[in-house]
Amino acid sequence: MAFPGESLTRNGLAIKETMKAPHKMILGNTGDALGYFIPSDEWQTGKNDNYEETVSLGKTAGDTARDKINALVTADNANF
């Protein structure tokens, strides 16, 4: 799966859980580099002085991207 930015680990793990393919891989910064994709419950926790949030599309971008990608993966799972 290609991700258009840098996803935090929990988003990637949720996507991999949805995948049924025998080999699972998520590539970041593919197609574009839209910043960090942060799960909303990790938004502005103070880690790294909230650096990731300063280069993110917003609080819901991580959840939205993860959910849309999971929908694509679920549709593709019929092939496995």
PDB file of N, CA and C in Angstrom:
ATOM      1  N   MET A   1       0.851  -1.157   0.000  1.00  0.00           N
ATOM      2  CA  MET A   1       0.000   0.000   0.000  1.00  0.00           C
ATOM      3  C   MET A   1       0.901   1.225   0.000  1.00  0.00           C
ATOM      4  N   ALA A   2       0.548   2.190  -0.777  1.00  0.00           N
ATOM      5  CA  ALA A   2       1.300   3.445  -0.863  1.00  0.00           C
ATOM      6  C   ALA A   2       0.574   4.522  -0.065  1.00  0.00           C
ATOM      7  N   PHE A   3       1.309   5.237   0.734  1.00  0.00           N
ATOM      8  CA  PHE A   3       0.747   6.288   1.590  1.00  0.00           C
ATOM      9  C   PHE A   3       1.347   7.628   1.161  1.00  0.00           C
ATOM     10  N   PRO A   4       0.531   8.659   0.977  1.00  0.00           N
ATOM     11  CA  PRO A   4       1.021   9.927   0.431  1.00  0.00           C
ATOM     12  C   PRO A   4       1.681  10.846   1.451  1.00  0.00           C
ATOM     13  N   GLY A   5       2.319  10.285   2.423  1.00  0.00           N
ATOM     14  CA  GLY A   5       2.992  11.067   3.459  1.00  0.00           C
ATOM     15  C   GLY A   5       3.604  10.113   4.459  1.00  0.00           C
ATOM     16  N   GLU A   6       3.857  10.615   5.655  1.00  0.00           N
ATOM     17  CA  GLU A   6       4.416   9.773   6.715  1.00  0.00           C
ATOM     18  C   GLU A   6       3.333   9.476   7.730  1.00  0.00           C
ATOM     19  N   SER A   7       2.935   8.229   7.791  1.00  0.00           N
ATOM     20  CA  SER A   7       1.904   7.816   8.726  1.00  0.00           C
ATOM     21  C   SER A   7       2.549   7.373  10.031  1.00  0.00           C
ATOM     22  N   LEU A   8       1.930   7.742  11.138  1.00  0.00           N
ATOM     23  CA  LEU A   8       2.413   7.242  12.406  1.00  0.00           C
ATOM     24  C   LEU A   8       2.101   5.753  12.518  1.00  0.00           C
ATOM     25  N   THR A   9       2.820   5.064  13.346  1.00  0.00           N
ATOM     26  CA  THR A   9       2.803   3.604  13.417  1.00  0.00           C
ATOM     27  C   THR A   9       1.410   3.018  13.578  1.00  0.00           C
ATOM     28  N   ARG A  10       0.591   3.571  14.452  1.00  0.00           N
ATOM     29  CA  ARG A  10      -0.722   2.971  14.710  1.00  0.00           C
ATOM     30  C   ARG A  10      -1.600   2.944  13.463  1.00  0.00           C
ATOM     31  N   ASN A  11      -1.506   3.952  12.609  1.00  0.00           N
ATOM     32  CA  ASN A  11      -2.267   3.930  11.360  1.00  0.00           C
ATOM     33  C   ASN A  11      -1.798   2.775  10.484  1.00  0.00           C
ATOM     34  N   GLY A  12      -0.496   2.612  10.371  1.00  0.00           N
ATOM     35  CA  GLY A  12       0.059   1.540   9.561  1.00  0.00           C
ATOM     36  C   GLY A  12      -0.323   0.167  10.080  1.00  0.00           C
ATOM     37  N   LEU A  13      -0.296  -0.007  11.392  1.00  0.00           N
ATOM     38  CA  LEU A  13      -0.677  -1.298  11.967  1.00  0.00           C
ATOM     39  C   LEU A  13      -2.149  -1.610  11.702  1.00  0.00           C
ATOM     40  N   ALA A  14      -3.001  -0.597  11.778  1.00  0.00           N
ATOM     41  CA  ALA A  14      -4.428  -0.804  11.501  1.00  0.00           C
ATOM     42  C   ALA A  14      -4.650  -1.202  10.045  1.00  0.00           C
ATOM     43  N   ILE A  15      -3.893  -0.608   9.152  1.00  0.00           N
ATOM     44  CA  ILE A  15      -4.009  -0.963   7.736  1.00  0.00           C
ATOM     45  C   ILE A  15      -3.512  -2.385   7.508  1.00  0.00           C
ATOM     46  N   LYS A  16      -2.385  -2.740   8.111  1.00  0.00           N
ATOM     47  CA  LYS A  16      -1.853  -4.095   7.937  1.00  0.00           C
ATOM     48  C   LYS A  16      -2.803  -5.147   8.495  1.00  0.00           C
ATOM     49  N   GLU A  17      -3.515  -4.832   9.570  1.00  0.00           N
ATOM     50  CA  GLU A  17      -4.483  -5.783  10.122  1.00  0.00           C
ATOM     51  C   GLU A  17      -5.600  -6.080   9.130  1.00  0.00           C
ATOM     52  N   THR A  18      -5.939  -5.105   8.303  1.00  0.00           N
ATOM     53  CA  THR A  18      -7.006  -5.271   7.320  1.00  0.00           C
ATOM     54  C   THR A  18      -6.546  -6.101   6.129  1.00  0.00           C
ATOM     55  N   MET A  19      -5.263  -6.071   5.827  1.00  0.00           N
ATOM     56  CA  MET A  19      -4.727  -6.773   4.660  1.00  0.00           C
ATOM     57  C   MET A  19      -4.783  -8.285   4.840  1.00  0.00           C
ATOM     58  N   LYS A  20      -5.175  -8.980   3.785  1.00  0.00           N
ATOM     59  CA  LYS A  20      -5.178 -10.446   3.799  1.00  0.00           C
ATOM     60  C   LYS A  20      -4.077 -11.037   2.942  1.00  0.00           C
ATOM     61  N   ALA A  21      -3.352 -10.191   2.234  1.00  0.00           N
ATOM     62  CA  ALA A  21      -2.270 -10.669   1.374  1.00  0.00           C
ATOM     63  C   ALA A  21      -1.195 -11.339   2.236  1.00  0.00           C
ATOM     64  N   PRO A  22      -0.482 -12.322   1.689  1.00  0.00           N
ATOM     65  CA  PRO A  22       0.552 -12.996   2.475  1.00  0.00           C
ATOM     66  C   PRO A  22       1.733 -12.092   2.818  1.00  0.00           C
ATOM     67  N   HIS A  23       1.984 -11.105   1.994  1.00  0.00           N
ATOM     68  CA  HIS A  23       3.068 -10.162   2.263  1.00  0.00           C
ATOM     69  C   HIS A  23       2.469  -8.774   2.374  1.00  0.00           C
ATOM     70  N   LYS A  24       2.784  -8.065   3.456  1.00  0.00           N
ATOM     71  CA  LYS A  24       2.170  -6.765   3.727  1.00  0.00           C
ATOM     72  C   LYS A  24       3.254  -5.701   3.835  1.00  0.00           C
ATOM     73  N   MET A  25       3.045  -4.597   3.114  1.00  0.00           N
ATOM     74  CA  MET A  25       4.030  -3.519   3.145  1.00  0.00           C
ATOM     75  C   MET A  25       3.304  -2.191   2.931  1.00  0.00           C
ATOM     76  N   ILE A  26       3.739  -1.187   3.668  1.00  0.00           N
ATOM     77  CA  ILE A  26       3.224   0.161   3.497  1.00  0.00           C
ATOM     78  C   ILE A  26       4.409   1.055   3.186  1.00  0.00           C
ATOM     79  N   LEU A  27       4.322   1.761   2.075  1.00  0.00           N
ATOM     80  CA  LEU A  27       5.382   2.672   1.658  1.00  0.00           C
ATOM     81  C   LEU A  27       4.929   4.101   1.915  1.00  0.00           C
ATOM     82  N   GLY A  28       5.763   4.867   2.580  1.00  0.00           N
ATOM     83  CA  GLY A  28       5.425   6.256   2.871  1.00  0.00           C
ATOM     84  C   GLY A  28       5.999   7.212   1.839  1.00  0.00           C
ATOM     85  N   ASN A  29       5.429   8.415   1.804  1.00  0.00           N
ATOM     86  CA  ASN A  29       5.861   9.469   0.881  1.00  0.00           C
ATOM     87  C   ASN A  29       5.847   9.005  -0.572  1.00  0.00           C
ATOM     88  N   THR A  30       4.844   8.226  -0.935  1.00  0.00           N
ATOM     89  CA  THR A  30       4.729   7.753  -2.308  1.00  0.00           C
ATOM     90  C   THR A  30       3.637   8.534  -3.022  1.00  0.00           C
ATOM     91  N   GLY A  31       3.955   9.034  -4.175  1.00  0.00           N
ATOM     92  CA  GLY A  31       3.002   9.822  -4.924  1.00  0.00           C
ATOM     93  C   GLY A  31       2.969  11.279  -4.487  1.00  0.00           C
ATOM     94  N   ASP A  32       3.295  11.515  -3.248  1.00  0.00           N
ATOM     95  CA  ASP A  32       3.333  12.871  -2.711  1.00  0.00           C
ATOM     96  C   ASP A  32       3.924  12.810  -1.305  1.00  0.00           C
ATOM     97  N   ALA A  33       4.236  13.958  -0.763  1.00  0.00           N
ATOM     98  CA  ALA A  33       4.743  14.055   0.614  1.00  0.00           C
ATOM     99  C   ALA A  33       3.895  15.103   1.323  1.00  0.00           C
ATOM    100  N   LEU A  34       2.713  14.680   1.759  1.00  0.00           N
ATOM    101  CA  LEU A  34       1.739  15.608   2.328  1.00  0.00           C
ATOM    102  C   LEU A  34       1.906  15.831   3.823  1.00  0.00           C
ATOM    103  N   GLY A  35       3.004  15.405   4.383  1.00  0.00           N
ATOM    104  CA  GLY A  35       3.245  15.616   5.806  1.00  0.00           C
ATOM    105  C   GLY A  35       2.943  14.374   6.620  1.00  0.00           C
ATOM    106  N   TYR A  36       2.774  14.586   7.919  1.00  0.00           N
ATOM    107  CA  TYR A  36       2.498  13.486   8.840  1.00  0.00           C
ATOM    108  C   TYR A  36       1.006  13.209   8.921  1.00  0.00           C
ATOM    109  N   PHE A  37       0.664  11.923   9.035  1.00  0.00           N
ATOM    110  CA  PHE A  37      -0.716  11.498   9.218  1.00  0.00           C
ATOM    111  C   PHE A  37      -0.804  10.891  10.616  1.00  0.00           C
ATOM    112  N   ILE A  38      -1.430  11.633  11.500  1.00  0.00           N
ATOM    113  CA  ILE A  38      -1.443  11.325  12.927  1.00  0.00           C
ATOM    114  C   ILE A  38      -2.841  10.860  13.330  1.00  0.00           C
ATOM    115  N   PRO A  39      -2.955   9.739  14.062  1.00  0.00           N
ATOM    116  CA  PRO A  39      -4.269   9.369  14.588  1.00  0.00           C
ATOM    117  C   PRO A  39      -4.791  10.501  15.473  1.00  0.00           C
ATOM    118  N   SER A  40      -6.088  10.787  15.387  1.00  0.00           N
ATOM    119  CA  SER A  40      -6.630  11.945  16.108  1.00  0.00           C
ATOM    120  C   SER A  40      -6.436  11.854  17.615  1.00  0.00           C
ATOM    121  N   ASP A  41      -6.415  10.641  18.165  1.00  0.00           N
ATOM    122  CA  ASP A  41      -6.225  10.536  19.613  1.00  0.00           C
ATOM    123  C   ASP A  41      -4.761  10.720  20.029  1.00  0.00           C
ATOM    124  N   GLU A  42      -3.866  10.851  19.063  1.00  0.00           N
ATOM    125  CA  GLU A  42      -2.462  11.165  19.356  1.00  0.00           C
ATOM    126  C   GLU A  42      -2.141  12.628  19.044  1.00  0.00           C
ATOM    127  N   TRP A  43      -3.131  13.381  18.611  1.00  0.00           N
ATOM    128  CA  TRP A  43      -2.923  14.774  18.208  1.00  0.00           C
ATOM    129  C   TRP A  43      -2.517  15.627  19.407  1.00  0.00           C
ATOM    130  N   GLN A  44      -1.441  16.337  19.270  1.00  0.00           N
ATOM    131  CA  GLN A  44      -0.896  17.279  20.254  1.00  0.00           C
ATOM    132  C   GLN A  44      -0.777  16.679  21.655  1.00  0.00           C
ATOM    133  N   THR A  45      -0.051  15.582  21.719  1.00  0.00           N
ATOM    134  CA  THR A  45       0.219  14.955  23.005  1.00  0.00           C
ATOM    135  C   THR A  45       1.478  15.531  23.649  1.00  0.00           C
ATOM    136  N   GLY A  46       2.165  16.405  22.929  1.00  0.00           N
ATOM    137  CA  GLY A  46       3.372  17.025  23.461  1.00  0.00           C
ATOM    138  C   GLY A  46       4.649  16.312  23.074  1.00  0.00           C
ATOM    139  N   LYS A  47       4.529  15.139  22.441  1.00  0.00           N
ATOM    140  CA  LYS A  47       5.729  14.425  22.015  1.00  0.00           C
ATOM    141  C   LYS A  47       6.436  15.217  20.932  1.00  0.00           C
ATOM    142  N   ASN A  48       7.739  15.276  20.996  1.00  0.00           N
ATOM    143  CA  ASN A  48       8.553  15.997  20.010  1.00  0.00           C
ATOM    144  C   ASN A  48       8.100  17.452  19.857  1.00  0.00           C
ATOM    145  N   ASP A  49       7.632  18.050  20.941  1.00  0.00           N
ATOM    146  CA  ASP A  49       7.135  19.435  20.909  1.00  0.00           C
ATOM    147  C   ASP A  49       6.059  19.621  19.843  1.00  0.00           C
ATOM    148  N   ASN A  50       5.278  18.577  19.595  1.00  0.00           N
ATOM    149  CA  ASN A  50       4.195  18.597  18.594  1.00  0.00           C
ATOM    150  C   ASN A  50       4.694  18.937  17.198  1.00  0.00           C
ATOM    151  N   TYR A  51       5.930  18.566  16.904  1.00  0.00           N
ATOM    152  CA  TYR A  51       6.503  18.867  15.586  1.00  0.00           C
ATOM    153  C   TYR A  51       5.667  18.280  14.458  1.00  0.00           C
ATOM    154  N   GLU A  52       5.260  17.007  14.593  1.00  0.00           N
ATOM    155  CA  GLU A  52       4.522  16.353  13.518  1.00  0.00           C
ATOM    156  C   GLU A  52       3.244  17.118  13.169  1.00  0.00           C
ATOM    157  N   GLU A  53       2.593  17.680  14.177  1.00  0.00           N
ATOM    158  CA  GLU A  53       1.365  18.423  13.942  1.00  0.00           C
ATOM    159  C   GLU A  53       1.596  19.683  13.105  1.00  0.00           C
ATOM    160  N   THR A  54       2.783  20.253  13.206  1.00  0.00           N
ATOM    161  CA  THR A  54       3.063  21.473  12.444  1.00  0.00           C
ATOM    162  C   THR A  54       3.223  21.194  10.953  1.00  0.00           C
ATOM    163  N   VAL A  55       3.473  19.950  10.587  1.00  0.00           N
ATOM    164  CA  VAL A  55       3.595  19.578   9.182  1.00  0.00           C
ATOM    165  C   VAL A  55       2.579  18.479   8.833  1.00  0.00           C
ATOM    166  N   SER A  56       1.361  18.683   9.310  1.00  0.00           N
ATOM    167  CA  SER A  56       0.266  17.756   9.054  1.00  0.00           C
ATOM    168  C   SER A  56      -0.870  18.510   8.375  1.00  0.00           C
ATOM    169  N   LEU A  57      -1.741  17.773   7.702  1.00  0.00           N
ATOM    170  CA  LEU A  57      -2.910  18.376   7.062  1.00  0.00           C
ATOM    171  C   LEU A  57      -4.027  18.671   8.056  1.00  0.00           C
ATOM    172  N   GLY A  58      -3.882  18.226   9.292  1.00  0.00           N
ATOM    173  CA  GLY A  58      -4.889  18.514  10.308  1.00  0.00           C
ATOM    174  C   GLY A  58      -5.197  17.313  11.171  1.00  0.00           C
ATOM    175  N   LYS A  59      -5.973  17.567  12.211  1.00  0.00           N
ATOM    176  CA  LYS A  59      -6.258  16.553  13.229  1.00  0.00           C
ATOM    177  C   LYS A  59      -6.940  15.307  12.673  1.00  0.00           C
ATOM    178  N   THR A  60      -7.783  15.444  11.682  1.00  0.00           N
ATOM    179  CA  THR A  60      -8.527  14.281  11.176  1.00  0.00           C
ATOM    180  C   THR A  60      -7.887  13.634   9.949  1.00  0.00           C
ATOM    181  N   ALA A  61      -6.816  14.202   9.436  1.00  0.00           N
ATOM    182  CA  ALA A  61      -6.195  13.678   8.212  1.00  0.00           C
ATOM    183  C   ALA A  61      -5.725  12.232   8.378  1.00  0.00           C
ATOM    184  N   GLY A  62      -5.129  11.910   9.506  1.00  0.00           N
ATOM    185  CA  GLY A  62      -4.644  10.549   9.725  1.00  0.00           C
ATOM    186  C   GLY A  62      -5.764   9.534   9.761  1.00  0.00           C
ATOM    187  N   ASP A  63      -6.836   9.853  10.496  1.00  0.00           N
ATOM    188  CA  ASP A  63      -7.981   8.946  10.589  1.00  0.00           C
ATOM    189  C   ASP A  63      -8.663   8.787   9.236  1.00  0.00           C
ATOM    190  N   THR A  64      -8.839   9.897   8.539  1.00  0.00           N
ATOM    191  CA  THR A  64      -9.510   9.862   7.240  1.00  0.00           C
ATOM    192  C   THR A  64      -8.717   9.034   6.232  1.00  0.00           C
ATOM    193  N   ALA A  65      -7.423   9.282   6.145  1.00  0.00           N
ATOM    194  CA  ALA A  65      -6.582   8.530   5.209  1.00  0.00           C
ATOM    195  C   ALA A  65      -6.583   7.049   5.553  1.00  0.00           C
ATOM    196  N   ARG A  66      -6.423   6.724   6.833  1.00  0.00           N
ATOM    197  CA  ARG A  66      -6.427   5.316   7.263  1.00  0.00           C
ATOM    198  C   ARG A  66      -7.743   4.643   6.888  1.00  0.00           C
ATOM    199  N   ASP A  67      -8.860   5.303   7.144  1.00  0.00           N
ATOM    200  CA  ASP A  67     -10.164   4.704   6.859  1.00  0.00           C
ATOM    201  C   ASP A  67     -10.385   4.521   5.356  1.00  0.00           C
ATOM    202  N   LYS A  68      -9.977   5.493   4.553  1.00  0.00           N
ATOM    203  CA  LYS A  68     -10.123   5.376   3.094  1.00  0.00           C
ATOM    204  C   LYS A  68      -9.234   4.273   2.544  1.00  0.00           C
ATOM    205  N   ILE A  69      -8.010   4.181   3.047  1.00  0.00           N
ATOM    206  CA  ILE A  69      -7.097   3.124   2.608  1.00  0.00           C
ATOM    207  C   ILE A  69      -7.630   1.762   3.031  1.00  0.00           C
ATOM    208  N   ASN A  70      -8.156   1.665   4.249  1.00  0.00           N
ATOM    209  CA  ASN A  70      -8.727   0.388   4.697  1.00  0.00           C
ATOM    210  C   ASN A  70      -9.901  -0.035   3.823  1.00  0.00           C
ATOM    211  N   ALA A  71     -10.686   0.924   3.344  1.00  0.00           N
ATOM    212  CA  ALA A  71     -11.795   0.587   2.441  1.00  0.00           C
ATOM    213  C   ALA A  71     -11.258   0.020   1.128  1.00  0.00           C
ATOM    214  N   LEU A  72     -10.177   0.607   0.620  1.00  0.00           N
ATOM    215  CA  LEU A  72      -9.556   0.080  -0.606  1.00  0.00           C
ATOM    216  C   LEU A  72      -8.999  -1.325  -0.387  1.00  0.00           C
ATOM    217  N   VAL A  73      -8.346  -1.512   0.756  1.00  0.00           N
ATOM    218  CA  VAL A  73      -7.776  -2.822   1.069  1.00  0.00           C
ATOM    219  C   VAL A  73      -8.879  -3.868   1.205  1.00  0.00           C
ATOM    220  N   THR A  74      -9.957  -3.510   1.872  1.00  0.00           N
ATOM    221  CA  THR A  74     -11.080  -4.447   2.047  1.00  0.00           C
ATOM    222  C   THR A  74     -11.648  -4.848   0.695  1.00  0.00           C
ATOM    223  N   ALA A  75     -11.791  -3.898  -0.213  1.00  0.00           N
ATOM    224  CA  ALA A  75     -12.296  -4.216  -1.547  1.00  0.00           C
ATOM    225  C   ALA A  75     -11.331  -5.138  -2.286  1.00  0.00           C
ATOM    226  N   ASP A  76     -10.039  -4.968  -2.072  1.00  0.00           N
ATOM    227  CA  ASP A  76      -9.039  -5.793  -2.750  1.00  0.00           C
ATOM    228  C   ASP A  76      -8.902  -7.167  -2.104  1.00  0.00           C
ATOM    229  N   ASN A  77      -9.307  -7.310  -0.860  1.00  0.00           N
ATOM    230  CA  ASN A  77      -9.167  -8.585  -0.155  1.00  0.00           C
ATOM    231  C   ASN A  77      -9.916  -9.717  -0.855  1.00  0.00           C
ATOM    232  N   ALA A  78     -10.884  -9.397  -1.688  1.00  0.00           N
ATOM    233  CA  ALA A  78     -11.612 -10.440  -2.418  1.00  0.00           C
ATOM    234  C   ALA A  78     -10.696 -11.228  -3.338  1.00  0.00           C
ATOM    235  N   ASN A  79      -9.532 -10.650  -3.652  1.00  0.00           N
ATOM    236  CA  ASN A  79      -8.578 -11.341  -4.524  1.00  0.00           C
ATOM    237  C   ASN A  79      -7.724 -12.356  -3.776  1.00  0.00           C
ATOM    238  N   PHE A  80      -7.882 -12.441  -2.456  1.00  0.00           N
ATOM    239  CA  PHE A  80      -7.036 -13.367  -1.674  1.00  0.00           C
ATOM    240  C   PHE A  80      -7.865 -14.388  -0.951  1.00  0.00           C
TER     241      PHE A  80
END
